[in-house]
Amino acid sequence: MNNIKVGMTIKLVRDIGENIPVGSTATIVYIDDFDQIFIDWKDGSQAKISEKQLFKNFEVAA
C-alpha cells in the first residue's frame, strides 16, 4: 500500500460486473486504517475497494 496515495488517478482495466465501463478513471480520496480505498469516479459516483481489488482490477493512470 506504500505506493498508493490519496490523490492518485486509477484506471479500471477489467470488467468488475457493475455499470462502470473498462477504461473509466477514478481518484483515490481516502485510505482508511484497514486499507480500504475510497474513490470518486469521474462521473461523480463513489465507491470503496480493497487493496486486493485495486491491484487486480486497476492500474495507476499516467
PDB file of N, CA and C in Angstrom:
ATOM      1  N   MET A   1       0.834  -1.198   0.000  1.00  0.00           N
ATOM      2  CA  MET A   1       0.000   0.000   0.000  1.00  0.00           C
ATOM      3  C   MET A   1       0.870   1.250   0.000  1.00  0.00           C
ATOM      4  N   ASN A   2       2.159   1.098   0.228  1.00  0.00           N
ATOM      5  CA  ASN A   2       3.036   2.263   0.305  1.00  0.00           C
ATOM      6  C   ASN A   2       3.080   3.062  -0.990  1.00  0.00           C
ATOM      7  N   ASN A   3       2.859   2.428  -2.138  1.00  0.00           N
ATOM      8  CA  ASN A   3       2.929   3.123  -3.419  1.00  0.00           C
ATOM      9  C   ASN A   3       1.622   3.816  -3.781  1.00  0.00           C
ATOM     10  N   ILE A   4       0.559   3.529  -3.078  1.00  0.00           N
ATOM     11  CA  ILE A   4      -0.756   4.093  -3.363  1.00  0.00           C
ATOM     12  C   ILE A   4      -0.988   5.272  -2.425  1.00  0.00           C
ATOM     13  N   LYS A   5      -1.333   6.401  -3.018  1.00  0.00           N
ATOM     14  CA  LYS A   5      -1.518   7.627  -2.232  1.00  0.00           C
ATOM     15  C   LYS A   5      -2.831   8.311  -2.590  1.00  0.00           C
ATOM     16  N   VAL A   6      -3.367   9.041  -1.639  1.00  0.00           N
ATOM     17  CA  VAL A   6      -4.542   9.872  -1.884  1.00  0.00           C
ATOM     18  C   VAL A   6      -4.202  10.868  -2.990  1.00  0.00           C
ATOM     19  N   GLY A   7      -5.143  11.062  -3.892  1.00  0.00           N
ATOM     20  CA  GLY A   7      -4.957  11.986  -4.993  1.00  0.00           C
ATOM     21  C   GLY A   7      -4.548  11.311  -6.293  1.00  0.00           C
ATOM     22  N   MET A   8      -4.131  10.053  -6.221  1.00  0.00           N
ATOM     23  CA  MET A   8      -3.746   9.330  -7.436  1.00  0.00           C
ATOM     24  C   MET A   8      -4.971   9.028  -8.287  1.00  0.00           C
ATOM     25  N   THR A   9      -4.775   9.017  -9.585  1.00  0.00           N
ATOM     26  CA  THR A   9      -5.820   8.618 -10.518  1.00  0.00           C
ATOM     27  C   THR A   9      -5.592   7.158 -10.886  1.00  0.00           C
ATOM     28  N   ILE A  10      -6.665   6.370 -10.832  1.00  0.00           N
ATOM     29  CA  ILE A  10      -6.581   4.969 -11.207  1.00  0.00           C
ATOM     30  C   ILE A  10      -7.526   4.710 -12.370  1.00  0.00           C
ATOM     31  N   LYS A  11      -7.202   3.691 -13.161  1.00  0.00           N
ATOM     32  CA  LYS A  11      -7.977   3.368 -14.358  1.00  0.00           C
ATOM     33  C   LYS A  11      -8.424   1.915 -14.274  1.00  0.00           C
ATOM     34  N   LEU A  12      -9.704   1.679 -14.508  1.00  0.00           N
ATOM     35  CA  LEU A  12     -10.270   0.338 -14.489  1.00  0.00           C
ATOM     36  C   LEU A  12      -9.797  -0.424 -15.728  1.00  0.00           C
ATOM     37  N   VAL A  13      -9.189  -1.601 -15.527  1.00  0.00           N
ATOM     38  CA  VAL A  13      -8.664  -2.374 -16.649  1.00  0.00           C
ATOM     39  C   VAL A  13      -9.360  -3.722 -16.828  1.00  0.00           C
ATOM     40  N   ARG A  14     -10.278  -4.074 -15.923  1.00  0.00           N
ATOM     41  CA  ARG A  14     -11.049  -5.322 -16.022  1.00  0.00           C
ATOM     42  C   ARG A  14     -12.513  -5.039 -15.724  1.00  0.00           C
ATOM     43  N   ASP A  15     -13.378  -5.808 -16.350  1.00  0.00           N
ATOM     44  CA  ASP A  15     -14.810  -5.687 -16.078  1.00  0.00           C
ATOM     45  C   ASP A  15     -15.074  -6.167 -14.658  1.00  0.00           C
ATOM     46  N   ILE A  16     -15.702  -5.324 -13.856  1.00  0.00           N
ATOM     47  CA  ILE A  16     -15.987  -5.694 -12.465  1.00  0.00           C
ATOM     48  C   ILE A  16     -17.465  -6.000 -12.242  1.00  0.00           C
ATOM     49  N   GLY A  17     -18.224  -6.099 -13.327  1.00  0.00           N
ATOM     50  CA  GLY A  17     -19.609  -6.521 -13.228  1.00  0.00           C
ATOM     51  C   GLY A  17     -20.582  -5.449 -12.776  1.00  0.00           C
ATOM     52  N   GLU A  18     -20.158  -4.232 -12.714  1.00  0.00           N
ATOM     53  CA  GLU A  18     -21.056  -3.131 -12.383  1.00  0.00           C
ATOM     54  C   GLU A  18     -21.202  -2.272 -13.624  1.00  0.00           C
ATOM     55  N   ASN A  19     -21.991  -1.260 -13.567  1.00  0.00           N
ATOM     56  CA  ASN A  19     -22.228  -0.415 -14.734  1.00  0.00           C
ATOM     57  C   ASN A  19     -21.110   0.599 -14.940  1.00  0.00           C
ATOM     58  N   ILE A  20     -19.883   0.142 -14.796  1.00  0.00           N
ATOM     59  CA  ILE A  20     -18.724   1.008 -14.967  1.00  0.00           C
ATOM     60  C   ILE A  20     -17.878   0.424 -16.096  1.00  0.00           C
ATOM     61  N   PRO A  21     -17.755   1.143 -17.203  1.00  0.00           N
ATOM     62  CA  PRO A  21     -17.015   0.599 -18.344  1.00  0.00           C
ATOM     63  C   PRO A  21     -15.511   0.518 -18.092  1.00  0.00           C
ATOM     64  N   VAL A  22     -14.893  -0.513 -18.652  1.00  0.00           N
ATOM     65  CA  VAL A  22     -13.442  -0.622 -18.616  1.00  0.00           C
ATOM     66  C   VAL A  22     -12.867   0.640 -19.246  1.00  0.00           C
ATOM     67  N   GLY A  23     -11.830   1.169 -18.641  1.00  0.00           N
ATOM     68  CA  GLY A  23     -11.227   2.416 -19.102  1.00  0.00           C
ATOM     69  C   GLY A  23     -11.641   3.616 -18.280  1.00  0.00           C
ATOM     70  N   SER A  24     -12.666   3.449 -17.437  1.00  0.00           N
ATOM     71  CA  SER A  24     -13.113   4.547 -16.573  1.00  0.00           C
ATOM     72  C   SER A  24     -12.021   4.887 -15.561  1.00  0.00           C
ATOM     73  N   THR A  25     -11.965   6.151 -15.176  1.00  0.00           N
ATOM     74  CA  THR A  25     -10.958   6.579 -14.213  1.00  0.00           C
ATOM     75  C   THR A  25     -11.612   7.098 -12.942  1.00  0.00           C
ATOM     76  N   ALA A  26     -10.844   7.025 -11.867  1.00  0.00           N
ATOM     77  CA  ALA A  26     -11.296   7.492 -10.561  1.00  0.00           C
ATOM     78  C   ALA A  26     -10.106   8.076  -9.822  1.00  0.00           C
ATOM     79  N   THR A  27     -10.401   8.868  -8.816  1.00  0.00           N
ATOM     80  CA  THR A  27      -9.369   9.458  -7.967  1.00  0.00           C
ATOM     81  C   THR A  27      -9.483   8.859  -6.571  1.00  0.00           C
ATOM     82  N   ILE A  28      -8.359   8.475  -6.005  1.00  0.00           N
ATOM     83  CA  ILE A  28      -8.341   7.976  -4.629  1.00  0.00           C
ATOM     84  C   ILE A  28      -8.506   9.170  -3.699  1.00  0.00           C
ATOM     85  N   VAL A  29      -9.540   9.125  -2.853  1.00  0.00           N
ATOM     86  CA  VAL A  29      -9.810  10.256  -1.965  1.00  0.00           C
ATOM     87  C   VAL A  29      -9.517   9.965  -0.495  1.00  0.00           C
ATOM     88  N   TYR A  30      -9.429   8.672  -0.134  1.00  0.00           N
ATOM     89  CA  TYR A  30      -9.189   8.336   1.270  1.00  0.00           C
ATOM     90  C   TYR A  30      -8.760   6.885   1.368  1.00  0.00           C
ATOM     91  N   ILE A  31      -7.838   6.598   2.274  1.00  0.00           N
ATOM     92  CA  ILE A  31      -7.437   5.227   2.589  1.00  0.00           C
ATOM     93  C   ILE A  31      -7.555   5.088   4.096  1.00  0.00           C
ATOM     94  N   ASP A  32      -8.393   4.140   4.550  1.00  0.00           N
ATOM     95  CA  ASP A  32      -8.600   4.021   5.992  1.00  0.00           C
ATOM     96  C   ASP A  32      -7.549   3.118   6.639  1.00  0.00           C
ATOM     97  N   ASP A  33      -7.657   2.938   7.939  1.00  0.00           N
ATOM     98  CA  ASP A  33      -6.692   2.148   8.705  1.00  0.00           C
ATOM     99  C   ASP A  33      -6.729   0.661   8.354  1.00  0.00           C
ATOM    100  N   PHE A  34      -7.777   0.221   7.668  1.00  0.00           N
ATOM    101  CA  PHE A  34      -7.917  -1.182   7.279  1.00  0.00           C
ATOM    102  C   PHE A  34      -7.585  -1.382   5.803  1.00  0.00           C
ATOM    103  N   ASP A  35      -6.915  -0.396   5.206  1.00  0.00           N
ATOM    104  CA  ASP A  35      -6.514  -0.412   3.794  1.00  0.00           C
ATOM    105  C   ASP A  35      -7.698  -0.499   2.844  1.00  0.00           C
ATOM    106  N   GLN A  36      -8.846   0.017   3.255  1.00  0.00           N
ATOM    107  CA  GLN A  36      -9.968   0.188   2.339  1.00  0.00           C
ATOM    108  C   GLN A  36      -9.746   1.502   1.609  1.00  0.00           C
ATOM    109  N   ILE A  37      -9.954   1.484   0.309  1.00  0.00           N
ATOM    110  CA  ILE A  37      -9.653   2.628  -0.534  1.00  0.00           C
ATOM    111  C   ILE A  37     -10.966   3.226  -1.023  1.00  0.00           C
ATOM    112  N   PHE A  38     -11.164   4.489  -0.766  1.00  0.00           N
ATOM    113  CA  PHE A  38     -12.372   5.189  -1.174  1.00  0.00           C
ATOM    114  C   PHE A  38     -12.035   6.013  -2.411  1.00  0.00           C
ATOM    115  N   ILE A  39     -12.867   5.874  -3.449  1.00  0.00           N
ATOM    116  CA  ILE A  39     -12.586   6.537  -4.719  1.00  0.00           C
ATOM    117  C   ILE A  39     -13.792   7.339  -5.193  1.00  0.00           C
ATOM    118  N   ASP A  40     -13.491   8.371  -5.946  1.00  0.00           N
ATOM    119  CA  ASP A  40     -14.513   9.155  -6.650  1.00  0.00           C
ATOM    120  C   ASP A  40     -14.339   8.882  -8.131  1.00  0.00           C
ATOM    121  N   TRP A  41     -15.372   8.303  -8.751  1.00  0.00           N
ATOM    122  CA  TRP A  41     -15.355   8.099 -10.196  1.00  0.00           C
ATOM    123  C   TRP A  41     -15.508   9.444 -10.882  1.00  0.00           C
ATOM    124  N   LYS A  42     -15.026   9.563 -12.096  1.00  0.00           N
ATOM    125  CA  LYS A  42     -15.105  10.821 -12.839  1.00  0.00           C
ATOM    126  C   LYS A  42     -16.548  11.228 -13.124  1.00  0.00           C
ATOM    127  N   ASP A  43     -17.488  10.261 -13.088  1.00  0.00           N
ATOM    128  CA  ASP A  43     -18.898  10.610 -13.308  1.00  0.00           C
ATOM    129  C   ASP A  43     -19.566  11.142 -12.039  1.00  0.00           C
ATOM    130  N   GLY A  44     -18.807  11.232 -10.944  1.00  0.00           N
ATOM    131  CA  GLY A  44     -19.333  11.783  -9.701  1.00  0.00           C
ATOM    132  C   GLY A  44     -19.750  10.751  -8.672  1.00  0.00           C
ATOM    133  N   SER A  45     -19.848   9.492  -9.060  1.00  0.00           N
ATOM    134  CA  SER A  45     -20.225   8.468  -8.094  1.00  0.00           C
ATOM    135  C   SER A  45     -19.007   8.078  -7.244  1.00  0.00           C
ATOM    136  N   GLN A  46     -19.282   7.383  -6.155  1.00  0.00           N
ATOM    137  CA  GLN A  46     -18.231   6.989  -5.226  1.00  0.00           C
ATOM    138  C   GLN A  46     -18.259   5.486  -5.012  1.00  0.00           C
ATOM    139  N   ALA A  47     -17.122   4.951  -4.575  1.00  0.00           N
ATOM    140  CA  ALA A  47     -17.034   3.517  -4.299  1.00  0.00           C
ATOM    141  C   ALA A  47     -15.953   3.270  -3.262  1.00  0.00           C
ATOM    142  N   LYS A  48     -15.995   2.080  -2.698  1.00  0.00           N
ATOM    143  CA  LYS A  48     -14.974   1.626  -1.761  1.00  0.00           C
ATOM    144  C   LYS A  48     -14.437   0.308  -2.307  1.00  0.00           C
ATOM    145  N   ILE A  49     -13.114   0.183  -2.383  1.00  0.00           N
ATOM    146  CA  ILE A  49     -12.490  -1.034  -2.870  1.00  0.00           C
ATOM    147  C   ILE A  49     -11.392  -1.451  -1.897  1.00  0.00           C
ATOM    148  N   SER A  50     -11.044  -2.723  -1.948  1.00  0.00           N
ATOM    149  CA  SER A  50      -9.947  -3.208  -1.118  1.00  0.00           C
ATOM    150  C   SER A  50      -8.631  -3.071  -1.877  1.00  0.00           C
ATOM    151  N   GLU A  51      -7.550  -3.200  -1.161  1.00  0.00           N
ATOM    152  CA  GLU A  51      -6.231  -3.166  -1.785  1.00  0.00           C
ATOM    153  C   GLU A  51      -6.109  -4.286  -2.826  1.00  0.00           C
ATOM    154  N   LYS A  52      -6.637  -5.454  -2.496  1.00  0.00           N
ATOM    155  CA  LYS A  52      -6.602  -6.591  -3.420  1.00  0.00           C
ATOM    156  C   LYS A  52      -7.354  -6.263  -4.715  1.00  0.00           C
ATOM    157  N   GLN A  53      -8.545  -5.669  -4.598  1.00  0.00           N
ATOM    158  CA  GLN A  53      -9.319  -5.279  -5.776  1.00  0.00           C
ATOM    159  C   GLN A  53      -8.574  -4.237  -6.602  1.00  0.00           C
ATOM    160  N   LEU A  54      -7.922  -3.308  -5.935  1.00  0.00           N
ATOM    161  CA  LEU A  54      -7.171  -2.276  -6.642  1.00  0.00           C
ATOM    162  C   LEU A  54      -6.107  -2.902  -7.536  1.00  0.00           C
ATOM    163  N   PHE A  55      -5.298  -3.785  -6.963  1.00  0.00           N
ATOM    164  CA  PHE A  55      -4.201  -4.364  -7.723  1.00  0.00           C
ATOM    165  C   PHE A  55      -4.674  -5.349  -8.787  1.00  0.00           C
ATOM    166  N   LYS A  56      -5.841  -5.952  -8.590  1.00  0.00           N
ATOM    167  CA  LYS A  56      -6.362  -6.908  -9.555  1.00  0.00           C
ATOM    168  C   LYS A  56      -7.072  -6.224 -10.728  1.00  0.00           C
ATOM    169  N   ASN A  57      -7.787  -5.145 -10.475  1.00  0.00           N
ATOM    170  CA  ASN A  57      -8.692  -4.567 -11.474  1.00  0.00           C
ATOM    171  C   ASN A  57      -8.327  -3.181 -11.986  1.00  0.00           C
ATOM    172  N   PHE A  58      -7.325  -2.552 -11.407  1.00  0.00           N
ATOM    173  CA  PHE A  58      -6.987  -1.175 -11.774  1.00  0.00           C
ATOM    174  C   PHE A  58      -5.500  -1.043 -12.058  1.00  0.00           C
ATOM    175  N   GLU A  59      -5.182   0.027 -12.768  1.00  0.00           N
ATOM    176  CA  GLU A  59      -3.787   0.448 -12.914  1.00  0.00           C
ATOM    177  C   GLU A  59      -3.732   1.930 -12.596  1.00  0.00           C
ATOM    178  N   VAL A  60      -2.561   2.372 -12.178  1.00  0.00           N
ATOM    179  CA  VAL A  60      -2.391   3.796 -11.922  1.00  0.00           C
ATOM    180  C   VAL A  60      -2.294   4.492 -13.262  1.00  0.00           C
ATOM    181  N   ALA A  61      -3.176   5.449 -13.486  1.00  0.00           N
ATOM    182  CA  ALA A  61      -3.217   6.159 -14.770  1.00  0.00           C
ATOM    183  C   ALA A  61      -2.012   7.090 -14.878  1.00  0.00           C
ATOM    184  N   ALA A  62      -1.510   7.212 -16.087  1.00  0.00           N
ATOM    185  CA  ALA A  62      -0.343   8.080 -16.320  1.00  0.00           C
ATOM    186  C   ALA A  62      -0.767   9.526 -16.393  1.00  0.00           C
TER     187      ALA A  62
END
